[in-house]
Amino acid sequence: MNKVEELVRDSYTLDDYREFMMNSMKYAASLGVTTVGFVSVDLKSLQSLIMIERELGNLPVRVRAYLNPFDHGIDIIELLRQLGIRLASVLST
């Protein structure tokens, strides 16, 4: 199953991820949900969330993102650095 999941996940583009997440957050918000937990967030997922936030100014719901410690061999600290996320920006939310 892990191999199949990896193949399917890798076939989606960043825009696909953005569309999936935007639709999911809009649906959750339409049900009155204000906060969701997102477990095992990988690089594409996090980049998509950041894209949506930059486009809209904020997300339709609050997202508690629990990052994968490793995504294709990238450790979490390096992942955050690559995305330009610093301690100050995390604490300001």
PDB file of N, CA and C in Angstrom:
ATOM      1  N   MET A   1       0.819  -1.209   0.000  1.00  0.00           N
ATOM      2  CA  MET A   1       0.000   0.000   0.000  1.00  0.00           C
ATOM      3  C   MET A   1       0.853   1.259   0.000  1.00  0.00           C
ATOM      4  N   ASN A   2       1.977   1.232   0.711  1.00  0.00           N
ATOM      5  CA  ASN A   2       2.835   2.418   0.759  1.00  0.00           C
ATOM      6  C   ASN A   2       3.336   2.796  -0.627  1.00  0.00           C
ATOM      7  N   LYS A   3       3.694   1.800  -1.426  1.00  0.00           N
ATOM      8  CA  LYS A   3       4.190   2.068  -2.781  1.00  0.00           C
ATOM      9  C   LYS A   3       3.091   2.682  -3.642  1.00  0.00           C
ATOM     10  N   VAL A   4       1.890   2.127  -3.560  1.00  0.00           N
ATOM     11  CA  VAL A   4       0.760   2.662  -4.326  1.00  0.00           C
ATOM     12  C   VAL A   4       0.463   4.090  -3.893  1.00  0.00           C
ATOM     13  N   GLU A   5       0.434   4.315  -2.582  1.00  0.00           N
ATOM     14  CA  GLU A   5       0.185   5.663  -2.069  1.00  0.00           C
ATOM     15  C   GLU A   5       1.230   6.646  -2.583  1.00  0.00           C
ATOM     16  N   GLU A   6       2.484   6.243  -2.590  1.00  0.00           N
ATOM     17  CA  GLU A   6       3.562   7.111  -3.060  1.00  0.00           C
ATOM     18  C   GLU A   6       3.402   7.427  -4.546  1.00  0.00           C
ATOM     19  N   LEU A   7       3.070   6.419  -5.360  1.00  0.00           N
ATOM     20  CA  LEU A   7       2.884   6.634  -6.795  1.00  0.00           C
ATOM     21  C   LEU A   7       1.721   7.582  -7.074  1.00  0.00           C
ATOM     22  N   VAL A   8       0.619   7.383  -6.369  1.00  0.00           N
ATOM     23  CA  VAL A   8      -0.544   8.249  -6.565  1.00  0.00           C
ATOM     24  C   VAL A   8      -0.217   9.669  -6.113  1.00  0.00           C
ATOM     25  N   ARG A   9       0.374   9.800  -4.931  1.00  0.00           N
ATOM     26  CA  ARG A   9       0.707  11.122  -4.391  1.00  0.00           C
ATOM     27  C   ARG A   9       1.655  11.874  -5.321  1.00  0.00           C
ATOM     28  N   ASP A  10       2.637  11.181  -5.866  1.00  0.00           N
ATOM     29  CA  ASP A  10       3.609  11.830  -6.750  1.00  0.00           C
ATOM     30  C   ASP A  10       3.012  12.235  -8.089  1.00  0.00           C
ATOM     31  N   SER A  11       1.880  11.623  -8.483  1.00  0.00           N
ATOM     32  CA  SER A  11       1.273  11.959  -9.767  1.00  0.00           C
ATOM     33  C   SER A  11       0.512  13.288  -9.724  1.00  0.00           C
ATOM     34  N   TYR A  12       0.159  13.760  -8.543  1.00  0.00           N
ATOM     35  CA  TYR A  12      -0.568  15.023  -8.418  1.00  0.00           C
ATOM     36  C   TYR A  12       0.389  16.208  -8.449  1.00  0.00           C
ATOM     37  N   THR A  13      -0.036  17.273  -9.116  1.00  0.00           N
ATOM     38  CA  THR A  13       0.759  18.498  -9.188  1.00  0.00           C
ATOM     39  C   THR A  13       0.471  19.378  -7.975  1.00  0.00           C
ATOM     40  N   LEU A  14       1.249  20.419  -7.831  1.00  0.00           N
ATOM     41  CA  LEU A  14       1.026  21.398  -6.775  1.00  0.00           C
ATOM     42  C   LEU A  14      -0.347  22.047  -6.934  1.00  0.00           C
ATOM     43  N   ASP A  15      -0.749  22.311  -8.172  1.00  0.00           N
ATOM     44  CA  ASP A  15      -2.079  22.889  -8.414  1.00  0.00           C
ATOM     45  C   ASP A  15      -3.192  21.912  -8.036  1.00  0.00           C
ATOM     46  N   ASP A  16      -2.969  20.610  -8.279  1.00  0.00           N
ATOM     47  CA  ASP A  16      -3.950  19.603  -7.854  1.00  0.00           C
ATOM     48  C   ASP A  16      -4.111  19.644  -6.343  1.00  0.00           C
ATOM     49  N   TYR A  17      -2.994  19.668  -5.624  1.00  0.00           N
ATOM     50  CA  TYR A  17      -3.033  19.720  -4.157  1.00  0.00           C
ATOM     51  C   TYR A  17      -3.775  20.970  -3.704  1.00  0.00           C
ATOM     52  N   ARG A  18      -3.468  22.105  -4.331  1.00  0.00           N
ATOM     53  CA  ARG A  18      -4.107  23.371  -3.967  1.00  0.00           C
ATOM     54  C   ARG A  18      -5.622  23.261  -4.136  1.00  0.00           C
ATOM     55  N   GLU A  19      -6.057  22.701  -5.260  1.00  0.00           N
ATOM     56  CA  GLU A  19      -7.494  22.564  -5.519  1.00  0.00           C
ATOM     57  C   GLU A  19      -8.155  21.625  -4.513  1.00  0.00           C
ATOM     58  N   PHE A  20      -7.528  20.473  -4.233  1.00  0.00           N
ATOM     59  CA  PHE A  20      -8.079  19.530  -3.255  1.00  0.00           C
ATOM     60  C   PHE A  20      -8.240  20.199  -1.895  1.00  0.00           C
ATOM     61  N   MET A  21      -7.196  20.905  -1.470  1.00  0.00           N
ATOM     62  CA  MET A  21      -7.231  21.523  -0.142  1.00  0.00           C
ATOM     63  C   MET A  21      -8.228  22.662  -0.070  1.00  0.00           C
ATOM     64  N   MET A  22      -8.270  23.470  -1.116  1.00  0.00           N
ATOM     65  CA  MET A  22      -9.216  24.585  -1.117  1.00  0.00           C
ATOM     66  C   MET A  22     -10.648  24.057  -1.042  1.00  0.00           C
ATOM     67  N   ASN A  23     -10.969  23.048  -1.848  1.00  0.00           N
ATOM     68  CA  ASN A  23     -12.318  22.461  -1.820  1.00  0.00           C
ATOM     69  C   ASN A  23     -12.626  21.857  -0.454  1.00  0.00           C
ATOM     70  N   SER A  24     -11.652  21.190   0.135  1.00  0.00           N
ATOM     71  CA  SER A  24     -11.857  20.575   1.453  1.00  0.00           C
ATOM     72  C   SER A  24     -12.100  21.624   2.534  1.00  0.00           C
ATOM     73  N   MET A  25     -11.305  22.686   2.512  1.00  0.00           N
ATOM     74  CA  MET A  25     -11.468  23.733   3.528  1.00  0.00           C
ATOM     75  C   MET A  25     -12.792  24.471   3.356  1.00  0.00           C
ATOM     76  N   LYS A  26     -13.187  24.732   2.118  1.00  0.00           N
ATOM     77  CA  LYS A  26     -14.478  25.387   1.876  1.00  0.00           C
ATOM     78  C   LYS A  26     -15.628  24.510   2.377  1.00  0.00           C
ATOM     79  N   TYR A  27     -15.531  23.209   2.117  1.00  0.00           N
ATOM     80  CA  TYR A  27     -16.574  22.291   2.578  1.00  0.00           C
ATOM     81  C   TYR A  27     -16.638  22.272   4.100  1.00  0.00           C
ATOM     82  N   ALA A  28     -15.478  22.168   4.739  1.00  0.00           N
ATOM     83  CA  ALA A  28     -15.445  22.166   6.208  1.00  0.00           C
ATOM     84  C   ALA A  28     -16.055  23.458   6.749  1.00  0.00           C
ATOM     85  N   ALA A  29     -15.677  24.593   6.159  1.00  0.00           N
ATOM     86  CA  ALA A  29     -16.212  25.882   6.611  1.00  0.00           C
ATOM     87  C   ALA A  29     -17.725  25.947   6.418  1.00  0.00           C
ATOM     88  N   SER A  30     -18.243  25.342   5.333  1.00  0.00           N
ATOM     89  CA  SER A  30     -19.686  25.372   5.081  1.00  0.00           C
ATOM     90  C   SER A  30     -20.462  24.584   6.131  1.00  0.00           C
ATOM     91  N   LEU A  31     -19.788  23.663   6.813  1.00  0.00           N
ATOM     92  CA  LEU A  31     -20.404  22.881   7.882  1.00  0.00           C
ATOM     93  C   LEU A  31     -20.213  23.515   9.255  1.00  0.00           C
ATOM     94  N   GLY A  32     -19.567  24.683   9.284  1.00  0.00           N
ATOM     95  CA  GLY A  32     -19.349  25.369  10.546  1.00  0.00           C
ATOM     96  C   GLY A  32     -18.041  25.007  11.235  1.00  0.00           C
ATOM     97  N   VAL A  33     -17.230  24.204  10.585  1.00  0.00           N
ATOM     98  CA  VAL A  33     -15.931  23.827  11.152  1.00  0.00           C
ATOM     99  C   VAL A  33     -15.001  25.037  11.066  1.00  0.00           C
ATOM    100  N   THR A  34     -14.325  25.345  12.154  1.00  0.00           N
ATOM    101  CA  THR A  34     -13.413  26.493  12.165  1.00  0.00           C
ATOM    102  C   THR A  34     -11.945  26.099  12.209  1.00  0.00           C
ATOM    103  N   THR A  35     -11.651  24.872  12.645  1.00  0.00           N
ATOM    104  CA  THR A  35     -10.269  24.405  12.762  1.00  0.00           C
ATOM    105  C   THR A  35     -10.201  22.936  12.377  1.00  0.00           C
ATOM    106  N   VAL A  36      -9.183  22.596  11.587  1.00  0.00           N
ATOM    107  CA  VAL A  36      -8.958  21.197  11.224  1.00  0.00           C
ATOM    108  C   VAL A  36      -7.527  20.817  11.570  1.00  0.00           C
ATOM    109  N   GLY A  37      -7.312  19.538  11.813  1.00  0.00           N
ATOM    110  CA  GLY A  37      -5.975  19.000  12.006  1.00  0.00           C
ATOM    111  C   GLY A  37      -5.560  18.271  10.749  1.00  0.00           C
ATOM    112  N   PHE A  38      -4.361  18.516  10.272  1.00  0.00           N
ATOM    113  CA  PHE A  38      -3.852  17.916   9.045  1.00  0.00           C
ATOM    114  C   PHE A  38      -2.582  17.158   9.417  1.00  0.00           C
ATOM    115  N   VAL A  39      -2.679  15.828   9.430  1.00  0.00           N
ATOM    116  CA  VAL A  39      -1.592  14.970   9.881  1.00  0.00           C
ATOM    117  C   VAL A  39      -0.748  14.512   8.697  1.00  0.00           C
ATOM    118  N   SER A  40       0.547  14.342   8.945  1.00  0.00           N
ATOM    119  CA  SER A  40       1.499  13.853   7.939  1.00  0.00           C
ATOM    120  C   SER A  40       1.595  14.783   6.735  1.00  0.00           C
ATOM    121  N   VAL A  41       1.692  16.064   6.989  1.00  0.00           N
ATOM    122  CA  VAL A  41       1.800  17.060   5.933  1.00  0.00           C
ATOM    123  C   VAL A  41       3.162  16.931   5.254  1.00  0.00           C
ATOM    124  N   ASP A  42       3.132  16.807   3.929  1.00  0.00           N
ATOM    125  CA  ASP A  42       4.370  16.725   3.164  1.00  0.00           C
ATOM    126  C   ASP A  42       4.657  18.074   2.501  1.00  0.00           C
ATOM    127  N   LEU A  43       5.719  18.128   1.718  1.00  0.00           N
ATOM    128  CA  LEU A  43       6.164  19.379   1.113  1.00  0.00           C
ATOM    129  C   LEU A  43       5.097  19.974   0.203  1.00  0.00           C
ATOM    130  N   LYS A  44       4.505  19.173  -0.696  1.00  0.00           N
ATOM    131  CA  LYS A  44       3.487  19.699  -1.611  1.00  0.00           C
ATOM    132  C   LYS A  44       2.270  20.221  -0.849  1.00  0.00           C
ATOM    133  N   SER A  45       1.867  19.511   0.170  1.00  0.00           N
ATOM    134  CA  SER A  45       0.708  19.943   0.953  1.00  0.00           C
ATOM    135  C   SER A  45       0.972  21.276   1.636  1.00  0.00           C
ATOM    136  N   LEU A  46       2.141  21.394   2.244  1.00  0.00           N
ATOM    137  CA  LEU A  46       2.471  22.633   2.936  1.00  0.00           C
ATOM    138  C   LEU A  46       2.613  23.788   1.959  1.00  0.00           C
ATOM    139  N   GLN A  47       3.246  23.542   0.827  1.00  0.00           N
ATOM    140  CA  GLN A  47       3.371  24.589  -0.192  1.00  0.00           C
ATOM    141  C   GLN A  47       1.993  25.025  -0.678  1.00  0.00           C
ATOM    142  N   SER A  48       1.083  24.085  -0.845  1.00  0.00           N
ATOM    143  CA  SER A  48      -0.272  24.415  -1.294  1.00  0.00           C
ATOM    144  C   SER A  48      -1.008  25.271  -0.274  1.00  0.00           C
ATOM    145  N   LEU A  49      -0.881  24.925   1.003  1.00  0.00           N
ATOM    146  CA  LEU A  49      -1.504  25.739   2.054  1.00  0.00           C
ATOM    147  C   LEU A  49      -0.950  27.156   2.050  1.00  0.00           C
ATOM    148  N   ILE A  50       0.346  27.275   1.881  1.00  0.00           N
ATOM    149  CA  ILE A  50       0.971  28.599   1.849  1.00  0.00           C
ATOM    150  C   ILE A  50       0.485  29.383   0.632  1.00  0.00           C
ATOM    151  N   MET A  51       0.372  28.720  -0.528  1.00  0.00           N
ATOM    152  CA  MET A  51      -0.137  29.384  -1.738  1.00  0.00           C
ATOM    153  C   MET A  51      -1.540  29.929  -1.508  1.00  0.00           C
ATOM    154  N   ILE A  52      -2.400  29.110  -0.928  1.00  0.00           N
ATOM    155  CA  ILE A  52      -3.785  29.529  -0.684  1.00  0.00           C
ATOM    156  C   ILE A  52      -3.823  30.709   0.270  1.00  0.00           C
ATOM    157  N   GLU A  53      -3.043  30.630   1.332  1.00  0.00           N
ATOM    158  CA  GLU A  53      -3.015  31.721   2.315  1.00  0.00           C
ATOM    159  C   GLU A  53      -2.539  33.022   1.669  1.00  0.00           C
ATOM    160  N   ARG A  54      -1.543  32.939   0.823  1.00  0.00           N
ATOM    161  CA  ARG A  54      -1.033  34.142   0.146  1.00  0.00           C
ATOM    162  C   ARG A  54      -2.043  34.698  -0.843  1.00  0.00           C
ATOM    163  N   GLU A  55      -2.773  33.826  -1.541  1.00  0.00           N
ATOM    164  CA  GLU A  55      -3.778  34.274  -2.507  1.00  0.00           C
ATOM    165  C   GLU A  55      -4.967  34.939  -1.826  1.00  0.00           C
ATOM    166  N   LEU A  56      -5.438  34.333  -0.730  1.00  0.00           N
ATOM    167  CA  LEU A  56      -6.658  34.804  -0.075  1.00  0.00           C
ATOM    168  C   LEU A  56      -6.421  35.759   1.087  1.00  0.00           C
ATOM    169  N   GLY A  57      -5.215  35.779   1.598  1.00  0.00           N
ATOM    170  CA  GLY A  57      -4.932  36.587   2.784  1.00  0.00           C
ATOM    171  C   GLY A  57      -5.053  35.770   4.057  1.00  0.00           C
ATOM    172  N   ASN A  58      -5.882  34.741   4.031  1.00  0.00           N
ATOM    173  CA  ASN A  58      -5.984  33.769   5.123  1.00  0.00           C
ATOM    174  C   ASN A  58      -6.713  32.534   4.602  1.00  0.00           C
ATOM    175  N   LEU A  59      -6.671  31.467   5.359  1.00  0.00           N
ATOM    176  CA  LEU A  59      -7.320  30.220   4.958  1.00  0.00           C
ATOM    177  C   LEU A  59      -8.785  30.238   5.385  1.00  0.00           C
ATOM    178  N   PRO A  60      -9.655  29.511   4.682  1.00  0.00           N
ATOM    179  CA  PRO A  60     -11.070  29.460   5.057  1.00  0.00           C
ATOM    180  C   PRO A  60     -11.313  28.881   6.453  1.00  0.00           C
ATOM    181  N   VAL A  61     -10.398  28.036   6.927  1.00  0.00           N
ATOM    182  CA  VAL A  61     -10.452  27.480   8.287  1.00  0.00           C
ATOM    183  C   VAL A  61      -9.029  27.488   8.844  1.00  0.00           C
ATOM    184  N   ARG A  62      -8.922  27.437  10.169  1.00  0.00           N
ATOM    185  CA  ARG A  62      -7.592  27.302  10.767  1.00  0.00           C
ATOM    186  C   ARG A  62      -7.090  25.889  10.507  1.00  0.00           C
ATOM    187  N   VAL A  63      -5.805  25.772  10.198  1.00  0.00           N
ATOM    188  CA  VAL A  63      -5.232  24.456   9.927  1.00  0.00           C
ATOM    189  C   VAL A  63      -4.083  24.221  10.890  1.00  0.00           C
ATOM    190  N   ARG A  64      -4.200  23.159  11.669  1.00  0.00           N
ATOM    191  CA  ARG A  64      -3.107  22.706  12.530  1.00  0.00           C
ATOM    192  C   ARG A  64      -2.347  21.663  11.733  1.00  0.00           C
ATOM    193  N   ALA A  65      -1.207  22.039  11.187  1.00  0.00           N
ATOM    194  CA  ALA A  65      -0.433  21.158  10.314  1.00  0.00           C
ATOM    195  C   ALA A  65       0.613  20.410  11.122  1.00  0.00           C
ATOM    196  N   TYR A  66       0.553  19.098  11.048  1.00  0.00           N
ATOM    197  CA  TYR A  66       1.517  18.231  11.717  1.00  0.00           C
ATOM    198  C   TYR A  66       2.426  17.660  10.632  1.00  0.00           C
ATOM    199  N   LEU A  67       3.623  18.202  10.554  1.00  0.00           N
ATOM    200  CA  LEU A  67       4.529  17.874   9.460  1.00  0.00           C
ATOM    201  C   LEU A  67       5.119  16.479   9.583  1.00  0.00           C
ATOM    202  N   ASN A  68       5.324  15.849   8.417  1.00  0.00           N
ATOM    203  CA  ASN A  68       6.069  14.594   8.368  1.00  0.00           C
ATOM    204  C   ASN A  68       7.504  14.890   8.770  1.00  0.00           C
ATOM    205  N   PRO A  69       8.112  14.096   9.640  1.00  0.00           N
ATOM    206  CA  PRO A  69       9.505  14.361  10.002  1.00  0.00           C
ATOM    207  C   PRO A  69      10.434  14.226   8.810  1.00  0.00           C
ATOM    208  N   PHE A  70      10.083  13.377   7.850  1.00  0.00           N
ATOM    209  CA  PHE A  70      10.883  13.217   6.639  1.00  0.00           C
ATOM    210  C   PHE A  70       9.964  13.127   5.440  1.00  0.00           C
ATOM    211  N   ASP A  71      10.298  13.865   4.406  1.00  0.00           N
ATOM    212  CA  ASP A  71       9.557  13.826   3.151  1.00  0.00           C
ATOM    213  C   ASP A  71      10.576  13.654   2.042  1.00  0.00           C
ATOM    214  N   HIS A  72      10.651  12.474   1.485  1.00  0.00           N
ATOM    215  CA  HIS A  72      11.631  12.171   0.446  1.00  0.00           C
ATOM    216  C   HIS A  72      13.051  12.487   0.915  1.00  0.00           C
ATOM    217  N   GLY A  73      13.350  12.139   2.154  1.00  0.00           N
ATOM    218  CA  GLY A  73      14.699  12.306   2.678  1.00  0.00           C
ATOM    219  C   GLY A  73      15.039  13.686   3.199  1.00  0.00           C
ATOM    220  N   ILE A  74      14.102  14.625   3.172  1.00  0.00           N
ATOM    221  CA  ILE A  74      14.355  15.986   3.676  1.00  0.00           C
ATOM    222  C   ILE A  74      13.935  16.027   5.141  1.00  0.00           C
ATOM    223  N   ASP A  75      14.837  16.455   6.024  1.00  0.00           N
ATOM    224  CA  ASP A  75      14.421  16.534   7.423  1.00  0.00           C
ATOM    225  C   ASP A  75      13.576  17.783   7.651  1.00  0.00           C
ATOM    226  N   ILE A  76      12.830  17.775   8.720  1.00  0.00           N
ATOM    227  CA  ILE A  76      11.830  18.811   8.963  1.00  0.00           C
ATOM    228  C   ILE A  76      12.430  20.213   9.072  1.00  0.00           C
ATOM    229  N   ILE A  77      13.584  20.339   9.679  1.00  0.00           N
ATOM    230  CA  ILE A  77      14.210  21.657   9.806  1.00  0.00           C
ATOM    231  C   ILE A  77      14.582  22.200   8.431  1.00  0.00           C
ATOM    232  N   GLU A  78      15.138  21.348   7.593  1.00  0.00           N
ATOM    233  CA  GLU A  78      15.481  21.771   6.234  1.00  0.00           C
ATOM    234  C   GLU A  78      14.228  22.105   5.437  1.00  0.00           C
ATOM    235  N   LEU A  79      13.170  21.345   5.619  1.00  0.00           N
ATOM    236  CA  LEU A  79      11.903  21.616   4.946  1.00  0.00           C
ATOM    237  C   LEU A  79      11.395  23.014   5.298  1.00  0.00           C
ATOM    238  N   LEU A  80      11.413  23.345   6.566  1.00  0.00           N
ATOM    239  CA  LEU A  80      10.966  24.675   6.996  1.00  0.00           C
ATOM    240  C   LEU A  80      11.849  25.770   6.439  1.00  0.00           C
ATOM    241  N   ARG A  81      13.144  25.542   6.422  1.00  0.00           N
ATOM    242  CA  ARG A  81      14.071  26.539   5.847  1.00  0.00           C
ATOM    243  C   ARG A  81      13.784  26.752   4.368  1.00  0.00           C
ATOM    244  N   GLN A  82      13.569  25.658   3.625  1.00  0.00           N
ATOM    245  CA  GLN A  82      13.291  25.772   2.195  1.00  0.00           C
ATOM    246  C   GLN A  82      12.024  26.569   1.926  1.00  0.00           C
ATOM    247  N   LEU A  83      11.069  26.456   2.816  1.00  0.00           N
ATOM    248  CA  LEU A  83       9.811  27.176   2.644  1.00  0.00           C
ATOM    249  C   LEU A  83       9.859  28.599   3.194  1.00  0.00           C
ATOM    250  N   GLY A  84      10.979  28.963   3.791  1.00  0.00           N
ATOM    251  CA  GLY A  84      11.119  30.315   4.318  1.00  0.00           C
ATOM    252  C   GLY A  84      10.367  30.543   5.615  1.00  0.00           C
ATOM    253  N   ILE A  85      10.037  29.475   6.316  1.00  0.00           N
ATOM    254  CA  ILE A  85       9.311  29.600   7.578  1.00  0.00           C
ATOM    255  C   ILE A  85      10.316  29.758   8.708  1.00  0.00           C
ATOM    256  N   ARG A  86      10.147  30.838   9.452  1.00  0.00           N
ATOM    257  CA  ARG A  86      11.033  31.114  10.586  1.00  0.00           C
ATOM    258  C   ARG A  86      10.215  31.073  11.854  1.00  0.00           C
ATOM    259  N   LEU A  87      10.897  31.000  12.960  1.00  0.00           N
ATOM    260  CA  LEU A  87      10.237  30.931  14.257  1.00  0.00           C
ATOM    261  C   LEU A  87       9.299  32.119  14.457  1.00  0.00           C
ATOM    262  N   ALA A  88       9.735  33.306  14.085  1.00  0.00           N
ATOM    263  CA  ALA A  88       8.922  34.497  14.291  1.00  0.00           C
ATOM    264  C   ALA A  88       7.587  34.416  13.538  1.00  0.00           C
ATOM    265  N   SER A  89       7.599  33.887  12.307  1.00  0.00           N
ATOM    266  CA  SER A  89       6.353  33.824  11.549  1.00  0.00           C
ATOM    267  C   SER A  89       5.416  32.762  12.115  1.00  0.00           C
ATOM    268  N   VAL A  90       5.963  31.726  12.688  1.00  0.00           N
ATOM    269  CA  VAL A  90       5.132  30.677  13.296  1.00  0.00           C
ATOM    270  C   VAL A  90       4.490  31.195  14.569  1.00  0.00           C
ATOM    271  N   LEU A  91       5.230  31.894  15.368  1.00  0.00           N
ATOM    272  CA  LEU A  91       4.710  32.373  16.651  1.00  0.00           C
ATOM    273  C   LEU A  91       3.732  33.529  16.497  1.00  0.00           C
ATOM    274  N   SER A  92       3.762  34.224  15.371  1.00  0.00           N
ATOM    275  CA  SER A  92       2.901  35.391  15.226  1.00  0.00           C
ATOM    276  C   SER A  92       1.468  35.026  14.900  1.00  0.00           C
ATOM    277  N   THR A  93       1.185  33.751  14.582  1.00  0.00           N
ATOM    278  CA  THR A  93      -0.169  33.379  14.191  1.00  0.00           C
ATOM    279  C   THR A  93      -1.011  33.029  15.375  1.00  0.00           C
TER     280      THR A  93
END
